[in-house]
């Protein structure tokens, strides 16, 4: 039975709007038991340990990664042979964190922590070659992402299944309307969701 592992981004959490919309959709179709949305530790090595444990529990989950979570999902998809759907993913973030070292605050929990060179080194350890299988990796981008340049992801993931929408933002506007496409990619039987309208989530 298909399970989904949602991987949030930097300073985010399962309380983010996308995560909550996905949870609501899975509840609506009665499959919430097949969804995991961990609150990840800010340090990549500890976050990876959390994710590896969940993958071992779930078997072959479909990964849904947002922003930095997209980078994590890219690594995990390569290492475990998993399908991954990436939403405005960070590309090689360890090359872009120099200006962000220092105190950080989680937008949802209010936790403060220090982004250090060790975090950056740990992110570099997770780098993998760009995926080449469009059936394995799907990438959703919005061109008005104010945090990441969508063109970097479009280049890096050019061999994957790309869905590029004009406008939007880093949070990916219209995510609820795109949930049927996510469920289809995850391999969830369309009979479970095709009668549902998720646009109100």
N, C-alpha and C. Protein backbone atom coordinates (compact mmCIF):
# COMPACT_ATOMS: atom_id res chain seq x y z
N UNK A 1 0.85 -1.19 0.00
CA UNK A 1 0.00 0.00 0.00
C UNK A 1 0.89 1.25 0.00
N UNK A 2 0.54 2.19 -0.84
CA UNK A 2 1.36 3.39 -0.98
C UNK A 2 1.36 4.23 0.29
N UNK A 3 2.53 4.68 0.68
CA UNK A 3 2.65 5.64 1.78
C UNK A 3 3.41 6.86 1.27
N UNK A 4 3.20 7.98 1.95
CA UNK A 4 3.82 9.25 1.56
C UNK A 4 4.59 9.79 2.75
N UNK A 5 5.81 10.21 2.48
CA UNK A 5 6.66 10.84 3.50
C UNK A 5 6.89 12.28 3.08
N UNK A 6 6.30 13.23 3.83
CA UNK A 6 6.43 14.66 3.52
C UNK A 6 7.64 15.23 4.27
N UNK A 7 8.50 15.93 3.53
CA UNK A 7 9.74 16.46 4.09
C UNK A 7 9.73 17.98 3.95
N UNK A 8 9.61 18.66 5.09
CA UNK A 8 9.50 20.12 5.06
C UNK A 8 10.87 20.77 4.86
N UNK A 9 10.85 22.08 4.67
CA UNK A 9 12.07 22.82 4.37
C UNK A 9 12.70 23.47 5.60
N UNK A 10 13.70 24.30 5.34
CA UNK A 10 14.44 24.99 6.38
C UNK A 10 13.51 25.90 7.19
N UNK A 11 13.58 25.79 8.50
CA UNK A 11 12.78 26.60 9.42
C UNK A 11 11.28 26.46 9.19
N UNK A 12 10.90 25.31 8.64
CA UNK A 12 9.48 25.02 8.46
C UNK A 12 9.09 23.89 9.40
N UNK A 13 7.90 23.30 9.16
CA UNK A 13 7.43 22.24 10.04
C UNK A 13 6.21 21.58 9.43
N UNK A 14 5.70 20.52 10.06
CA UNK A 14 4.46 19.91 9.58
C UNK A 14 3.25 20.85 9.72
N UNK A 15 3.42 21.97 10.39
CA UNK A 15 2.33 22.95 10.51
C UNK A 15 2.24 23.87 9.31
N UNK A 16 3.14 23.73 8.35
CA UNK A 16 3.10 24.61 7.17
C UNK A 16 1.81 24.37 6.39
N UNK A 17 1.47 25.34 5.57
CA UNK A 17 0.19 25.24 4.85
C UNK A 17 0.16 24.03 3.91
N UNK A 18 1.23 23.80 3.15
CA UNK A 18 1.24 22.65 2.23
C UNK A 18 1.09 21.35 2.99
N UNK A 19 1.83 21.21 4.08
CA UNK A 19 1.75 19.97 4.85
C UNK A 19 0.33 19.76 5.38
N UNK A 20 -0.27 20.82 5.87
CA UNK A 20 -1.63 20.70 6.41
C UNK A 20 -2.66 20.41 5.31
N UNK A 21 -2.45 20.97 4.12
CA UNK A 21 -3.35 20.68 3.01
C UNK A 21 -3.23 19.22 2.58
N UNK A 22 -2.00 18.71 2.54
CA UNK A 22 -1.80 17.31 2.19
C UNK A 22 -2.43 16.41 3.25
N UNK A 23 -2.24 16.74 4.52
CA UNK A 23 -2.85 15.96 5.59
C UNK A 23 -4.37 15.96 5.47
N UNK A 24 -4.94 17.13 5.20
CA UNK A 24 -6.39 17.23 5.08
C UNK A 24 -6.90 16.39 3.91
N UNK A 25 -6.16 16.39 2.81
CA UNK A 25 -6.55 15.58 1.65
C UNK A 25 -6.51 14.10 1.98
N UNK A 26 -5.45 13.67 2.65
CA UNK A 26 -5.33 12.26 3.01
C UNK A 26 -6.42 11.85 4.00
N UNK A 27 -6.78 12.77 4.90
CA UNK A 27 -7.89 12.50 5.83
C UNK A 27 -9.20 12.38 5.07
N UNK A 28 -9.39 13.25 4.08
CA UNK A 28 -10.64 13.26 3.32
C UNK A 28 -10.86 11.96 2.58
N UNK A 29 -9.78 11.35 2.12
CA UNK A 29 -9.92 10.09 1.36
C UNK A 29 -9.66 8.87 2.25
N UNK A 30 -9.51 9.11 3.56
CA UNK A 30 -9.38 8.01 4.50
C UNK A 30 -8.03 7.32 4.51
N UNK A 31 -6.99 8.00 4.06
CA UNK A 31 -5.67 7.38 3.98
C UNK A 31 -4.63 8.09 4.85
N UNK A 32 -5.08 8.82 5.87
CA UNK A 32 -4.13 9.58 6.68
C UNK A 32 -3.12 8.68 7.39
N UNK A 33 -3.46 7.41 7.62
CA UNK A 33 -2.53 6.48 8.27
C UNK A 33 -1.32 6.18 7.39
N UNK A 34 -1.42 6.51 6.10
CA UNK A 34 -0.33 6.25 5.17
C UNK A 34 0.57 7.46 4.96
N UNK A 35 0.36 8.51 5.75
CA UNK A 35 1.15 9.74 5.62
C UNK A 35 2.01 9.96 6.86
N UNK A 36 3.26 10.32 6.64
CA UNK A 36 4.14 10.72 7.73
C UNK A 36 4.68 12.12 7.44
N UNK A 37 4.66 12.97 8.46
CA UNK A 37 5.14 14.35 8.32
C UNK A 37 6.00 14.68 9.53
N UNK A 38 7.23 14.22 9.58
CA UNK A 38 8.06 14.46 10.78
C UNK A 38 8.46 15.92 10.93
N UNK A 39 8.57 16.36 12.18
CA UNK A 39 9.19 17.65 12.48
C UNK A 39 10.69 17.39 12.53
N UNK A 40 11.40 17.87 11.53
CA UNK A 40 12.80 17.51 11.38
C UNK A 40 13.72 18.38 12.24
N UNK A 41 14.78 17.76 12.73
CA UNK A 41 15.82 18.49 13.42
C UNK A 41 16.49 19.44 12.44
N UNK A 42 16.98 20.57 12.94
CA UNK A 42 17.61 21.54 12.03
C UNK A 42 18.95 21.07 11.49
N UNK A 43 19.61 20.11 12.17
CA UNK A 43 20.91 19.64 11.66
C UNK A 43 20.68 18.52 10.64
N UNK A 44 21.29 18.63 9.45
CA UNK A 44 21.03 17.64 8.41
C UNK A 44 21.30 16.20 8.82
N UNK A 45 22.34 15.96 9.59
CA UNK A 45 22.63 14.56 9.96
C UNK A 45 21.53 13.98 10.83
N UNK A 46 21.03 14.78 11.75
CA UNK A 46 19.95 14.29 12.62
C UNK A 46 18.64 14.19 11.85
N UNK A 47 18.40 15.12 10.93
CA UNK A 47 17.21 15.04 10.09
C UNK A 47 17.26 13.77 9.23
N UNK A 48 18.43 13.46 8.69
CA UNK A 48 18.57 12.25 7.88
C UNK A 48 18.32 10.99 8.69
N UNK A 49 18.78 10.98 9.93
CA UNK A 49 18.53 9.82 10.79
C UNK A 49 17.02 9.63 11.01
N UNK A 50 16.32 10.74 11.22
CA UNK A 50 14.86 10.66 11.37
C UNK A 50 14.21 10.09 10.11
N UNK A 51 14.64 10.59 8.96
CA UNK A 51 14.03 10.19 7.70
C UNK A 51 14.36 8.74 7.36
N UNK A 52 15.60 8.33 7.61
CA UNK A 52 15.97 6.93 7.35
C UNK A 52 15.14 5.98 8.21
N UNK A 53 14.89 6.38 9.45
CA UNK A 53 14.08 5.54 10.34
C UNK A 53 12.65 5.39 9.81
N UNK A 54 12.09 6.48 9.31
CA UNK A 54 10.73 6.42 8.76
C UNK A 54 10.68 5.61 7.47
N UNK A 55 11.70 5.72 6.65
CA UNK A 55 11.74 4.93 5.42
C UNK A 55 11.82 3.45 5.76
N UNK A 56 12.61 3.10 6.77
CA UNK A 56 12.69 1.70 7.21
C UNK A 56 11.33 1.22 7.70
N UNK A 57 10.58 2.10 8.37
CA UNK A 57 9.25 1.74 8.88
C UNK A 57 8.25 1.57 7.74
N UNK A 58 8.30 2.48 6.77
CA UNK A 58 7.28 2.52 5.72
C UNK A 58 7.59 1.59 4.55
N UNK A 59 8.84 1.25 4.36
CA UNK A 59 9.22 0.38 3.25
C UNK A 59 9.63 1.17 2.03
N UNK A 60 8.70 1.48 1.17
CA UNK A 60 8.99 2.21 -0.07
C UNK A 60 8.07 3.43 -0.19
N UNK A 61 8.18 4.39 0.70
CA UNK A 61 7.29 5.55 0.60
C UNK A 61 7.62 6.42 -0.61
N UNK A 62 6.63 7.15 -1.06
CA UNK A 62 6.85 8.20 -2.04
C UNK A 62 7.22 9.45 -1.26
N UNK A 63 8.31 10.10 -1.64
CA UNK A 63 8.79 11.28 -0.94
C UNK A 63 8.18 12.54 -1.55
N UNK A 64 7.76 13.45 -0.71
CA UNK A 64 7.31 14.77 -1.15
C UNK A 64 8.16 15.78 -0.38
N UNK A 65 9.06 16.47 -1.09
CA UNK A 65 9.99 17.36 -0.42
C UNK A 65 9.84 18.80 -0.88
N UNK A 66 9.75 19.71 0.09
CA UNK A 66 9.60 21.13 -0.21
C UNK A 66 10.87 21.88 0.13
N UNK A 67 11.38 22.70 -0.78
CA UNK A 67 12.54 23.57 -0.55
C UNK A 67 13.74 22.73 -0.12
N UNK A 68 14.29 22.96 1.08
CA UNK A 68 15.41 22.13 1.54
C UNK A 68 14.98 20.67 1.63
N UNK A 69 13.71 20.43 1.93
CA UNK A 69 13.20 19.07 1.93
C UNK A 69 13.30 18.41 0.57
N UNK A 70 13.26 19.24 -0.48
CA UNK A 70 13.46 18.70 -1.83
C UNK A 70 14.88 18.20 -2.04
N UNK A 71 15.83 18.90 -1.44
CA UNK A 71 17.23 18.45 -1.49
C UNK A 71 17.40 17.14 -0.73
N UNK A 72 16.81 17.07 0.46
CA UNK A 72 16.84 15.83 1.23
C UNK A 72 16.20 14.69 0.44
N UNK A 73 15.05 14.97 -0.17
CA UNK A 73 14.34 13.94 -0.92
C UNK A 73 15.14 13.46 -2.12
N UNK A 74 15.87 14.37 -2.76
CA UNK A 74 16.71 13.98 -3.90
C UNK A 74 17.77 12.99 -3.45
N UNK A 75 18.40 13.26 -2.32
CA UNK A 75 19.40 12.34 -1.77
C UNK A 75 18.78 10.99 -1.42
N UNK A 76 17.65 11.03 -0.73
CA UNK A 76 17.02 9.79 -0.29
C UNK A 76 16.49 8.97 -1.46
N UNK A 77 15.96 9.64 -2.47
CA UNK A 77 15.47 8.92 -3.65
C UNK A 77 16.61 8.17 -4.33
N UNK A 78 17.77 8.83 -4.43
CA UNK A 78 18.92 8.19 -5.05
C UNK A 78 19.43 7.03 -4.20
N UNK A 79 19.48 7.22 -2.90
CA UNK A 79 20.07 6.20 -2.02
C UNK A 79 19.16 5.00 -1.83
N UNK A 80 17.85 5.24 -1.80
CA UNK A 80 16.91 4.15 -1.51
C UNK A 80 16.10 3.71 -2.73
N UNK A 81 16.30 4.35 -3.87
CA UNK A 81 15.53 3.98 -5.06
C UNK A 81 14.06 4.32 -4.95
N UNK A 82 13.76 5.49 -4.38
CA UNK A 82 12.38 5.89 -4.14
C UNK A 82 11.91 6.92 -5.16
N UNK A 83 10.59 7.00 -5.34
CA UNK A 83 10.01 8.08 -6.13
C UNK A 83 9.96 9.35 -5.28
N UNK A 84 10.13 10.48 -5.93
CA UNK A 84 10.12 11.75 -5.20
C UNK A 84 9.45 12.84 -6.02
N UNK A 85 8.61 13.62 -5.34
CA UNK A 85 8.01 14.81 -5.92
C UNK A 85 8.59 16.00 -5.17
N UNK A 86 9.23 16.89 -5.89
CA UNK A 86 9.95 18.01 -5.28
C UNK A 86 9.23 19.32 -5.60
N UNK A 87 9.03 20.14 -4.57
CA UNK A 87 8.29 21.39 -4.73
C UNK A 87 9.23 22.55 -4.46
N UNK A 88 9.49 23.35 -5.49
CA UNK A 88 10.45 24.46 -5.38
C UNK A 88 11.70 24.01 -4.60
N UNK A 89 12.38 22.96 -5.07
CA UNK A 89 13.49 22.39 -4.28
C UNK A 89 14.74 23.26 -4.27
N UNK A 90 15.46 23.19 -3.16
CA UNK A 90 16.77 23.82 -3.07
C UNK A 90 17.77 22.97 -3.84
N UNK A 91 18.62 23.62 -4.61
CA UNK A 91 19.64 22.93 -5.40
C UNK A 91 21.00 23.22 -4.78
N UNK A 92 21.70 22.18 -4.36
CA UNK A 92 23.03 22.32 -3.76
C UNK A 92 23.06 23.46 -2.73
N UNK A 93 22.23 23.39 -1.70
CA UNK A 93 22.10 24.51 -0.76
C UNK A 93 23.38 24.84 -0.02
N UNK A 94 24.28 23.87 0.14
CA UNK A 94 25.54 24.14 0.84
C UNK A 94 26.38 25.18 0.12
N UNK A 95 26.11 25.41 -1.17
CA UNK A 95 26.84 26.42 -1.92
C UNK A 95 26.23 27.81 -1.77
N UNK A 96 25.09 27.89 -1.05
CA UNK A 96 24.35 29.15 -0.99
C UNK A 96 24.10 29.64 0.43
N UNK A 97 24.68 28.98 1.40
CA UNK A 97 24.36 29.31 2.79
C UNK A 97 25.34 30.27 3.45
N UNK A 98 26.36 30.71 2.73
CA UNK A 98 27.37 31.56 3.37
C UNK A 98 26.76 32.79 4.05
N UNK A 99 25.80 33.42 3.41
CA UNK A 99 25.21 34.63 3.98
C UNK A 99 24.19 34.37 5.05
N UNK A 100 23.91 33.08 5.32
CA UNK A 100 22.85 32.74 6.27
C UNK A 100 23.38 32.17 7.58
N UNK A 101 24.71 32.07 7.71
CA UNK A 101 25.27 31.53 8.95
C UNK A 101 24.88 32.41 10.13
N UNK A 102 24.64 31.74 11.27
CA UNK A 102 24.25 32.49 12.46
C UNK A 102 22.87 32.08 12.94
N UNK A 103 22.26 32.93 13.73
CA UNK A 103 21.00 32.57 14.38
C UNK A 103 19.86 32.44 13.38
N UNK A 104 19.07 31.39 13.56
CA UNK A 104 17.90 31.12 12.74
C UNK A 104 16.70 30.93 13.68
N UNK A 105 15.51 31.16 13.14
CA UNK A 105 14.29 30.94 13.92
C UNK A 105 13.31 30.14 13.09
N UNK A 106 12.81 29.05 13.66
CA UNK A 106 11.78 28.26 12.99
C UNK A 106 10.50 29.07 12.92
N UNK A 107 9.93 29.18 11.71
CA UNK A 107 8.76 30.04 11.50
C UNK A 107 7.53 29.54 12.26
N UNK A 108 7.50 28.29 12.63
CA UNK A 108 6.30 27.71 13.24
C UNK A 108 6.46 27.42 14.72
N UNK A 109 7.61 26.85 15.11
CA UNK A 109 7.80 26.50 16.52
C UNK A 109 8.38 27.64 17.34
N UNK A 110 9.01 28.61 16.65
CA UNK A 110 9.68 29.69 17.36
C UNK A 110 11.05 29.31 17.89
N UNK A 111 11.47 28.06 17.67
CA UNK A 111 12.79 27.60 18.12
C UNK A 111 13.88 28.43 17.45
N UNK A 112 14.87 28.83 18.22
CA UNK A 112 16.04 29.50 17.65
C UNK A 112 17.23 28.55 17.71
N UNK A 113 18.10 28.65 16.71
CA UNK A 113 19.26 27.77 16.62
C UNK A 113 20.32 28.45 15.77
N UNK A 114 21.52 27.91 15.81
CA UNK A 114 22.65 28.49 15.08
C UNK A 114 22.98 27.66 13.85
N UNK A 115 22.95 28.30 12.69
CA UNK A 115 23.39 27.65 11.45
C UNK A 115 24.91 27.80 11.37
N UNK A 116 25.61 26.68 11.39
CA UNK A 116 27.06 26.69 11.48
C UNK A 116 27.70 26.08 10.23
N UNK A 117 29.02 26.16 10.16
CA UNK A 117 29.74 25.52 9.06
C UNK A 117 29.53 24.01 9.07
N UNK A 118 29.30 23.44 10.26
CA UNK A 118 29.06 21.99 10.33
C UNK A 118 27.76 21.62 9.63
N UNK A 119 26.74 22.47 9.74
CA UNK A 119 25.50 22.25 8.99
C UNK A 119 25.80 22.23 7.49
N UNK A 120 26.59 23.21 7.05
CA UNK A 120 26.89 23.33 5.63
C UNK A 120 27.68 22.11 5.14
N UNK A 121 28.64 21.66 5.93
CA UNK A 121 29.41 20.48 5.57
C UNK A 121 28.52 19.24 5.50
N UNK A 122 27.58 19.14 6.43
CA UNK A 122 26.67 18.00 6.44
C UNK A 122 25.77 18.02 5.20
N UNK A 123 25.35 19.20 4.78
CA UNK A 123 24.56 19.30 3.55
C UNK A 123 25.38 18.88 2.33
N UNK A 124 26.64 19.29 2.29
CA UNK A 124 27.50 18.91 1.17
C UNK A 124 27.64 17.40 1.06
N UNK A 125 27.64 16.71 2.19
CA UNK A 125 27.76 15.25 2.20
C UNK A 125 26.57 14.57 1.53
N UNK A 126 25.47 15.27 1.41
CA UNK A 126 24.25 14.68 0.85
C UNK A 126 24.11 14.88 -0.66
N UNK A 127 25.06 15.59 -1.27
CA UNK A 127 24.97 15.87 -2.70
C UNK A 127 25.04 14.58 -3.50
N UNK A 128 24.17 14.45 -4.48
CA UNK A 128 24.15 13.30 -5.39
C UNK A 128 24.07 13.82 -6.81
N UNK A 129 24.42 13.00 -7.80
CA UNK A 129 24.27 13.43 -9.20
C UNK A 129 22.80 13.75 -9.50
N UNK A 130 22.59 14.65 -10.42
CA UNK A 130 21.22 15.03 -10.80
C UNK A 130 20.46 13.79 -11.27
N UNK A 131 19.24 13.60 -10.78
CA UNK A 131 18.46 12.43 -11.20
C UNK A 131 18.13 12.48 -12.69
N UNK A 132 17.98 11.30 -13.28
CA UNK A 132 17.81 11.21 -14.72
C UNK A 132 16.51 10.52 -15.15
N UNK A 133 15.71 10.08 -14.20
CA UNK A 133 14.53 9.28 -14.54
C UNK A 133 13.25 10.08 -14.29
N UNK A 134 12.55 10.52 -15.34
CA UNK A 134 11.33 11.31 -15.15
C UNK A 134 10.20 10.53 -14.50
N UNK A 135 10.27 9.20 -14.53
CA UNK A 135 9.25 8.40 -13.87
C UNK A 135 9.50 8.33 -12.36
N UNK A 136 10.75 8.59 -11.97
CA UNK A 136 11.10 8.52 -10.55
C UNK A 136 10.99 9.87 -9.85
N UNK A 137 11.37 10.93 -10.54
CA UNK A 137 11.42 12.25 -9.91
C UNK A 137 10.61 13.27 -10.71
N UNK A 138 9.68 13.91 -10.03
CA UNK A 138 8.87 14.97 -10.62
C UNK A 138 9.16 16.26 -9.84
N UNK A 139 9.27 17.37 -10.56
CA UNK A 139 9.67 18.63 -9.94
C UNK A 139 8.65 19.71 -10.29
N UNK A 140 8.08 20.34 -9.25
CA UNK A 140 7.12 21.41 -9.44
C UNK A 140 7.78 22.74 -9.07
N UNK A 141 7.75 23.67 -10.02
CA UNK A 141 8.40 24.96 -9.82
C UNK A 141 7.42 26.09 -10.14
N UNK A 142 7.58 27.21 -9.43
CA UNK A 142 6.85 28.43 -9.78
C UNK A 142 7.86 29.54 -10.03
N UNK A 143 7.65 30.25 -11.12
CA UNK A 143 8.68 31.17 -11.61
C UNK A 143 8.87 32.39 -10.72
N UNK A 144 7.87 32.75 -9.90
CA UNK A 144 8.01 33.93 -9.04
C UNK A 144 8.45 33.57 -7.63
N UNK A 145 9.06 32.39 -7.47
CA UNK A 145 9.63 31.99 -6.18
C UNK A 145 10.58 33.09 -5.71
N UNK A 146 10.27 33.68 -4.54
CA UNK A 146 11.06 34.80 -4.05
C UNK A 146 12.28 34.37 -3.25
N UNK A 147 12.38 33.08 -2.96
CA UNK A 147 13.47 32.56 -2.14
C UNK A 147 14.54 31.88 -2.96
N UNK A 148 14.13 31.10 -3.94
CA UNK A 148 15.06 30.34 -4.78
C UNK A 148 14.79 30.66 -6.25
N UNK A 149 15.85 30.70 -7.05
CA UNK A 149 15.71 30.93 -8.48
C UNK A 149 15.27 29.63 -9.14
N UNK A 150 14.04 29.61 -9.65
CA UNK A 150 13.50 28.38 -10.22
C UNK A 150 14.36 27.86 -11.37
N UNK A 151 15.10 28.76 -12.03
CA UNK A 151 15.89 28.33 -13.19
C UNK A 151 17.02 27.39 -12.79
N UNK A 152 17.54 27.54 -11.56
CA UNK A 152 18.59 26.63 -11.09
C UNK A 152 18.03 25.21 -10.98
N UNK A 153 16.82 25.08 -10.45
CA UNK A 153 16.21 23.77 -10.34
C UNK A 153 15.82 23.23 -11.72
N UNK A 154 15.33 24.10 -12.60
CA UNK A 154 14.96 23.65 -13.94
C UNK A 154 16.17 23.08 -14.68
N UNK A 155 17.33 23.69 -14.47
CA UNK A 155 18.55 23.17 -15.10
C UNK A 155 18.99 21.86 -14.46
N UNK A 156 19.02 21.85 -13.13
CA UNK A 156 19.55 20.69 -12.42
C UNK A 156 18.68 19.46 -12.65
N UNK A 157 17.38 19.66 -12.68
CA UNK A 157 16.44 18.54 -12.82
C UNK A 157 15.90 18.42 -14.24
N UNK A 158 16.67 18.86 -15.22
CA UNK A 158 16.16 18.93 -16.59
C UNK A 158 15.77 17.57 -17.16
N UNK A 159 16.36 16.48 -16.65
CA UNK A 159 16.02 15.15 -17.15
C UNK A 159 14.79 14.57 -16.46
N UNK A 160 14.26 15.26 -15.46
CA UNK A 160 13.10 14.78 -14.71
C UNK A 160 11.81 15.31 -15.33
N UNK A 161 10.70 14.93 -14.73
CA UNK A 161 9.41 15.45 -15.17
C UNK A 161 9.21 16.82 -14.53
N UNK A 162 9.29 17.87 -15.32
CA UNK A 162 9.21 19.24 -14.81
C UNK A 162 7.80 19.80 -15.02
N UNK A 163 7.31 20.48 -13.98
CA UNK A 163 6.03 21.19 -14.07
C UNK A 163 6.33 22.62 -13.63
N UNK A 164 6.42 23.53 -14.58
CA UNK A 164 6.80 24.91 -14.29
C UNK A 164 5.59 25.82 -14.52
N UNK A 165 5.19 26.53 -13.47
CA UNK A 165 4.05 27.43 -13.54
C UNK A 165 4.52 28.87 -13.44
N UNK A 166 3.95 29.73 -14.26
CA UNK A 166 4.27 31.16 -14.17
C UNK A 166 3.66 31.73 -12.90
N UNK A 167 4.41 32.65 -12.28
CA UNK A 167 3.92 33.31 -11.07
C UNK A 167 4.14 32.47 -9.84
N UNK A 168 3.20 32.60 -8.88
CA UNK A 168 3.30 31.84 -7.64
C UNK A 168 4.31 32.43 -6.68
N UNK A 169 4.82 31.59 -5.79
CA UNK A 169 5.84 32.01 -4.84
C UNK A 169 6.52 30.77 -4.26
N UNK A 170 7.39 30.97 -3.26
CA UNK A 170 8.15 29.84 -2.74
C UNK A 170 7.26 28.81 -2.04
N UNK A 171 6.14 29.25 -1.49
CA UNK A 171 5.25 28.31 -0.81
C UNK A 171 4.47 27.43 -1.79
N UNK A 172 4.50 27.76 -3.05
CA UNK A 172 3.79 27.09 -4.16
C UNK A 172 2.29 27.33 -4.06
N UNK A 173 1.89 28.47 -4.63
CA UNK A 173 0.48 28.84 -4.67
C UNK A 173 -0.32 27.81 -5.46
N UNK A 174 -1.54 27.54 -4.99
CA UNK A 174 -2.42 26.60 -5.69
C UNK A 174 -2.11 25.14 -5.42
N UNK A 175 -1.35 24.88 -4.35
CA UNK A 175 -0.96 23.50 -4.05
C UNK A 175 -2.18 22.59 -3.88
N UNK A 176 -3.23 23.09 -3.22
CA UNK A 176 -4.41 22.25 -2.98
C UNK A 176 -5.02 21.77 -4.30
N UNK A 177 -5.05 22.65 -5.31
CA UNK A 177 -5.63 22.25 -6.60
C UNK A 177 -4.76 21.22 -7.30
N UNK A 178 -3.48 21.16 -6.94
CA UNK A 178 -2.56 20.21 -7.58
C UNK A 178 -2.51 18.87 -6.86
N UNK A 179 -3.24 18.73 -5.76
CA UNK A 179 -3.16 17.49 -4.98
C UNK A 179 -3.55 16.24 -5.78
N UNK A 180 -4.55 16.29 -6.68
CA UNK A 180 -4.82 15.09 -7.46
C UNK A 180 -3.60 14.61 -8.26
N UNK A 181 -2.82 15.55 -8.79
CA UNK A 181 -1.61 15.17 -9.52
C UNK A 181 -0.59 14.51 -8.60
N UNK A 182 -0.50 15.03 -7.36
CA UNK A 182 0.41 14.43 -6.39
C UNK A 182 -0.04 13.01 -6.05
N UNK A 183 -1.32 12.82 -5.80
CA UNK A 183 -1.84 11.50 -5.45
C UNK A 183 -1.66 10.52 -6.60
N UNK A 184 -1.85 11.00 -7.82
CA UNK A 184 -1.65 10.13 -8.98
C UNK A 184 -0.18 9.72 -9.09
N UNK A 185 0.74 10.68 -8.91
CA UNK A 185 2.17 10.37 -8.96
C UNK A 185 2.54 9.36 -7.88
N UNK A 186 1.91 9.49 -6.71
CA UNK A 186 2.20 8.57 -5.61
C UNK A 186 1.66 7.16 -5.85
N UNK A 187 0.83 7.02 -6.87
CA UNK A 187 0.30 5.70 -7.19
C UNK A 187 -0.92 5.32 -6.39
N UNK A 188 -1.57 6.30 -5.78
CA UNK A 188 -2.80 6.03 -5.04
C UNK A 188 -3.94 5.87 -6.04
N UNK A 189 -4.67 4.79 -5.92
CA UNK A 189 -5.75 4.45 -6.83
C UNK A 189 -6.70 5.64 -7.01
N UNK A 190 -6.94 6.02 -8.25
CA UNK A 190 -7.77 7.20 -8.51
C UNK A 190 -9.18 7.06 -7.99
N UNK A 191 -9.63 5.83 -7.80
CA UNK A 191 -10.98 5.64 -7.25
C UNK A 191 -11.10 6.19 -5.84
N UNK A 192 -9.95 6.35 -5.16
CA UNK A 192 -9.97 6.87 -3.79
C UNK A 192 -10.14 8.38 -3.75
N UNK A 193 -9.76 9.08 -4.84
CA UNK A 193 -9.74 10.54 -4.77
C UNK A 193 -10.40 11.28 -5.91
N UNK A 194 -10.75 10.60 -7.00
CA UNK A 194 -11.21 11.35 -8.19
C UNK A 194 -12.54 12.07 -7.98
N UNK A 195 -13.32 11.65 -7.00
CA UNK A 195 -14.60 12.32 -6.75
C UNK A 195 -14.45 13.50 -5.78
N UNK A 196 -13.24 13.73 -5.29
CA UNK A 196 -13.04 14.76 -4.27
C UNK A 196 -12.52 16.06 -4.88
N UNK A 197 -13.00 17.15 -4.33
CA UNK A 197 -12.49 18.49 -4.70
C UNK A 197 -11.64 19.00 -3.54
N UNK A 198 -10.36 19.14 -3.79
CA UNK A 198 -9.45 19.58 -2.74
C UNK A 198 -9.17 21.08 -2.76
N UNK A 199 -9.80 21.79 -3.69
CA UNK A 199 -9.47 23.20 -3.87
C UNK A 199 -9.88 24.06 -2.68
N UNK A 200 -10.74 23.53 -1.79
CA UNK A 200 -11.17 24.31 -0.64
C UNK A 200 -10.26 24.12 0.56
N UNK A 201 -9.20 23.33 0.43
CA UNK A 201 -8.32 23.06 1.57
C UNK A 201 -7.38 24.23 1.84
